[in-house]
C-alpha atoms as a PDB file:
ATOM      1  CA  MET A   1     -11.484  24.760  -8.160  1.00  0.00           C
ATOM      2  CA  LYS A   2     -11.971  21.155  -6.676  1.00  0.00           C
ATOM      3  CA  THR A   3     -11.563  20.629  -3.175  1.00  0.00           C
ATOM      4  CA  LYS A   4     -10.754  16.968  -1.719  1.00  0.00           C
ATOM      5  CA  PRO A   5     -10.327  15.033   1.466  1.00  0.00           C
ATOM      6  CA  VAL A   6      -6.853  14.585   3.487  1.00  0.00           C
ATOM      7  CA  LEU A   7      -5.399  11.906   5.320  1.00  0.00           C
ATOM      8  CA  GLU A   8      -5.379  13.591   8.409  1.00  0.00           C
ATOM      9  CA  LEU A   9      -2.924  11.927  11.782  1.00  0.00           C
ATOM     10  CA  ALA A  10      -6.055   9.736  13.206  1.00  0.00           C
ATOM     11  CA  ASP A  11      -7.099   8.435   9.799  1.00  0.00           C
ATOM     12  CA  VAL A  12      -3.183   6.543   9.920  1.00  0.00           C
ATOM     13  CA  LYS A  13      -3.357   5.484  12.926  1.00  0.00           C
ATOM     14  CA  LEU A  14      -6.673   3.461  12.056  1.00  0.00           C
ATOM     15  CA  VAL A  15      -5.743   2.344   8.770  1.00  0.00           C
ATOM     16  CA  ALA A  16      -2.084   1.412  10.866  1.00  0.00           C
ATOM     17  CA  ALA A  17      -4.159  -0.696  13.462  1.00  0.00           C
ATOM     18  CA  ALA A  18      -6.254  -2.100  11.595  1.00  0.00           C
ATOM     19  CA  ALA A  19      -3.902  -3.913   9.439  1.00  0.00           C
ATOM     20  CA  GLU A  20      -2.093  -4.838  12.141  1.00  0.00           C
ATOM     21  CA  ALA A  21      -5.076  -6.278  13.370  1.00  0.00           C
ATOM     22  CA  GLU A  22      -5.787  -8.611  10.259  1.00  0.00           C
ATOM     23  CA  ALA A  23      -1.420  -8.990   9.919  1.00  0.00           C
ATOM     24  CA  LEU A  24      -1.096 -10.499  13.865  1.00  0.00           C
ATOM     25  CA  LYS A  25      -4.821 -12.784  13.242  1.00  0.00           C
ATOM     26  CA  ASN A  26      -2.647 -14.104  10.487  1.00  0.00           C
ATOM     27  CA  HIS A  27       0.395 -14.629  12.266  1.00  0.00           C
ATOM     28  CA  TRP A  28       1.932 -12.905   9.294  1.00  0.00           C
ATOM     29  CA  ALA A  29       5.100 -10.623   9.867  1.00  0.00           C
ATOM     30  CA  VAL A  30       4.666  -7.994   7.612  1.00  0.00           C
ATOM     31  CA  THR A  31       5.575  -3.948   7.268  1.00  0.00           C
ATOM     32  CA  ILE A  32       2.971  -1.471   6.610  1.00  0.00           C
ATOM     33  CA  ALA A  33       3.619   1.872   4.928  1.00  0.00           C
ATOM     34  CA  ILE A  34       0.823   4.257   4.223  1.00  0.00           C
ATOM     35  CA  VAL A  35       1.692   7.818   2.179  1.00  0.00           C
ATOM     36  CA  ASP A  36      -0.473  10.599   1.184  1.00  0.00           C
ATOM     37  CA  ASP A  37      -1.534  11.112  -2.516  1.00  0.00           C
ATOM     38  CA  GLY A  38       1.661  12.586  -3.350  1.00  0.00           C
ATOM     39  CA  GLY A  39       3.496   8.377  -2.175  1.00  0.00           C
ATOM     40  CA  HIS A  40       5.082  10.506   0.794  1.00  0.00           C
ATOM     41  CA  LEU A  41       5.193   8.379   3.364  1.00  0.00           C
ATOM     42  CA  LEU A  42       3.415   9.106   6.250  1.00  0.00           C
ATOM     43  CA  TRP A  43       3.848   5.551   8.523  1.00  0.00           C
ATOM     44  CA  LEU A  44       5.965   2.858   8.638  1.00  0.00           C
ATOM     45  CA  GLN A  45       6.091   0.026  11.142  1.00  0.00           C
ATOM     46  CA  ARG A  46       7.818  -3.504  10.797  1.00  0.00           C
ATOM     47  CA  LEU A  47       6.208  -6.094  12.822  1.00  0.00           C
ATOM     48  CA  ASP A  48       8.318  -8.515  14.751  1.00  0.00           C
ATOM     49  CA  GLY A  49       9.982 -11.189  12.415  1.00  0.00           C
ATOM     50  CA  ALA A  50       9.172  -9.145   9.120  1.00  0.00           C
ATOM     51  CA  PRO A  51      11.953  -9.597   6.526  1.00  0.00           C
ATOM     52  CA  ALA A  52      14.429  -6.447   6.409  1.00  0.00           C
ATOM     53  CA  VAL A  53      13.376  -5.793   2.516  1.00  0.00           C
ATOM     54  CA  SER A  54       9.816  -5.505   3.112  1.00  0.00           C
ATOM     55  CA  ALA A  55      11.014  -1.998   4.820  1.00  0.00           C
ATOM     56  CA  HIS A  56      12.048  -1.363   1.655  1.00  0.00           C
ATOM     57  CA  ILE A  57       8.981  -3.222  -0.508  1.00  0.00           C
ATOM     58  CA  ALA A  58       6.026  -2.288   1.630  1.00  0.00           C
ATOM     59  CA  PRO A  59       6.829   1.572   0.993  1.00  0.00           C
ATOM     60  CA  ALA A  60       7.980   0.838  -3.271  1.00  0.00           C
ATOM     61  CA  LYS A  61       4.041  -0.773  -3.130  1.00  0.00           C
ATOM     62  CA  ALA A  62       2.165   2.175  -1.614  1.00  0.00           C
ATOM     63  CA  HIS A  63       3.796   5.224  -3.481  1.00  0.00           C
ATOM     64  CA  THR A  64       3.000   2.846  -6.624  1.00  0.00           C
ATOM     65  CA  ALA A  65      -0.318   2.412  -5.669  1.00  0.00           C
ATOM     66  CA  ALA A  66      -0.970   6.047  -5.223  1.00  0.00           C
ATOM     67  CA  LEU A  67       0.875   7.322  -7.695  1.00  0.00           C
ATOM     68  CA  GLY A  68      -1.100   5.171 -10.112  1.00  0.00           C
ATOM     69  CA  ARG A  69      -4.497   5.381  -8.368  1.00  0.00           C
ATOM     70  CA  ARG A  70      -4.819   2.003  -8.693  1.00  0.00           C
ATOM     71  CA  GLU A  71      -3.367  -1.061  -7.013  1.00  0.00           C
ATOM     72  CA  SER A  72       0.490  -2.195  -7.857  1.00  0.00           C
ATOM     73  CA  LYS A  73      -0.815  -5.650  -8.491  1.00  0.00           C
ATOM     74  CA  ILE A  74      -1.843  -4.091 -12.085  1.00  0.00           C
ATOM     75  CA  TYR A  75       1.325  -3.812 -12.929  1.00  0.00           C
ATOM     76  CA  GLU A  76       2.481  -6.227 -11.789  1.00  0.00           C
ATOM     77  CA  ASP A  77      -0.216  -8.497 -14.220  1.00  0.00           C
ATOM     78  CA  VAL A  78       1.134  -5.772 -16.979  1.00  0.00           C
ATOM     79  CA  ILE A  79       4.877  -7.565 -16.926  1.00  0.00           C
ATOM     80  CA  ASN A  80       3.557 -10.962 -16.314  1.00  0.00           C
ATOM     81  CA  GLN A  81       1.820 -10.865 -19.760  1.00  0.00           C
ATOM     82  CA  GLY A  82       5.130  -9.651 -21.302  1.00  0.00           C
ATOM     83  CA  ARG A  83       5.086  -5.721 -20.953  1.00  0.00           C
ATOM     84  CA  THR A  84       8.344  -6.142 -19.463  1.00  0.00           C
ATOM     85  CA  SER A  85       9.584  -2.342 -20.674  1.00  0.00           C
ATOM     86  CA  PHE A  86       7.386  -1.628 -17.850  1.00  0.00           C
ATOM     87  CA  LEU A  87       9.692  -2.099 -15.993  1.00  0.00           C
ATOM     88  CA  SER A  88      11.470   1.090 -16.966  1.00  0.00           C
ATOM     89  CA  ALA A  89       8.748   3.846 -16.043  1.00  0.00           C
ATOM     90  CA  PRO A  90      10.420   6.625 -14.557  1.00  0.00           C
ATOM     91  CA  GLY A  91       9.518   6.968 -10.729  1.00  0.00           C
ATOM     92  CA  ILE A  92       7.590   3.468  -9.182  1.00  0.00           C
ATOM     93  CA  ALA A  93       9.033   0.491  -8.119  1.00  0.00           C
ATOM     94  CA  GLY A  94       6.910  -1.386  -6.090  1.00  0.00           C
ATOM     95  CA  MET A  95       5.290  -2.754  -8.939  1.00  0.00           C
ATOM     96  CA  LEU A  96       4.027  -6.068  -7.483  1.00  0.00           C
ATOM     97  CA  GLU A  97       0.809  -6.761  -5.702  1.00  0.00           C
ATOM     98  CA  GLY A  98       0.525  -5.673  -1.978  1.00  0.00           C
ATOM     99  CA  GLY A  99       0.046  -2.014  -3.162  1.00  0.00           C
ATOM    100  CA  VAL A 100      -3.946  -0.304  -2.301  1.00  0.00           C
ATOM    101  CA  PRO A 101      -4.816   3.224  -3.205  1.00  0.00           C
ATOM    102  CA  ILE A 102      -7.122   4.974  -0.555  1.00  0.00           C
ATOM    103  CA  VAL A 103      -9.438   6.072  -2.747  1.00  0.00           C
ATOM    104  CA  LYS A 104     -12.852   8.366  -1.216  1.00  0.00           C
ATOM    105  CA  ASP A 105     -15.426  10.776  -3.022  1.00  0.00           C
ATOM    106  CA  GLY A 106     -13.569   9.313  -6.651  1.00  0.00           C
ATOM    107  CA  GLN A 107      -9.763  10.798  -5.226  1.00  0.00           C
ATOM    108  CA  CYS A 108      -6.590   8.731  -4.634  1.00  0.00           C
ATOM    109  CA  ILE A 109      -6.597  10.184  -0.969  1.00  0.00           C
ATOM    110  CA  GLY A 110      -3.401   8.177  -0.215  1.00  0.00           C
ATOM    111  CA  ALA A 111      -2.715   4.414  -0.142  1.00  0.00           C
ATOM    112  CA  VAL A 112      -1.171   1.968   2.207  1.00  0.00           C
ATOM    113  CA  GLY A 113       1.582  -0.930   1.073  1.00  0.00           C
ATOM    114  CA  VAL A 114       2.768  -3.975   2.831  1.00  0.00           C
ATOM    115  CA  SER A 115       5.243  -6.105   2.164  1.00  0.00           C
ATOM    116  CA  GLY A 116       6.480  -9.360   3.934  1.00  0.00           C
ATOM    117  CA  VAL A 117       4.207 -12.477   3.110  1.00  0.00           C
ATOM    118  CA  LYS A 118       2.535 -13.660  -0.346  1.00  0.00           C
ATOM    119  CA  SER A 119       1.757 -10.842  -2.299  1.00  0.00           C
ATOM    120  CA  ASN A 120      -2.294 -11.915  -2.262  1.00  0.00           C
ATOM    121  CA  GLU A 121      -1.998 -11.682   1.385  1.00  0.00           C
ATOM    122  CA  ASP A 122       0.085  -8.411   1.882  1.00  0.00           C
ATOM    123  CA  ALA A 123      -2.946  -7.516  -0.445  1.00  0.00           C
ATOM    124  CA  GLN A 124      -5.394  -8.532   1.956  1.00  0.00           C
ATOM    125  CA  ILE A 125      -3.907  -6.668   5.259  1.00  0.00           C
ATOM    126  CA  ALA A 126      -3.766  -3.268   3.366  1.00  0.00           C
ATOM    127  CA  LYS A 127      -7.359  -3.449   2.299  1.00  0.00           C
ATOM    128  CA  ALA A 128      -8.509  -4.467   6.028  1.00  0.00           C
ATOM    129  CA  GLY A 129      -6.594  -1.114   6.817  1.00  0.00           C
ATOM    130  CA  ILE A 130      -8.526   0.837   4.731  1.00  0.00           C
ATOM    131  CA  ALA A 131     -11.356  -0.787   5.516  1.00  0.00           C
ATOM    132  CA  ALA A 132     -10.773   0.776   9.329  1.00  0.00           C
ATOM    133  CA  ILE A 133     -11.816   4.473   8.105  1.00  0.00           C
ATOM    134  CA  GLY A 134     -15.045   3.186   5.856  1.00  0.00           C
ATOM    135  CA  LEU A 135     -13.551   3.451   2.604  1.00  0.00           C
END
């Protein structure tokens, strides 16, 4: 049987703080969501001025990245290339750039989803958060 690392609250707090710092440094009002490997919400933080809808989109992006074990941008690209039937994929809704898996030793242990600015900027914030734990 394999063993794998899991996110602890201390890790989640470090990721959230680094993601928040990246957003604030750029004056971006966003929502930051962090999920475990099953897509279950561990953290949700809506910065001042972030659009209300971002509180729904950020967790969806994180959920999609965790379950798919890849960046949510991949799904957006597939759809944009004409495979619109992928929109009917069960159980995933955040098929927009801005969801990034947290991977350690080849295992997905969670994901960060960000919403509120341009999708590539959302991803930038998520990646800055993940970098805070050395991944």
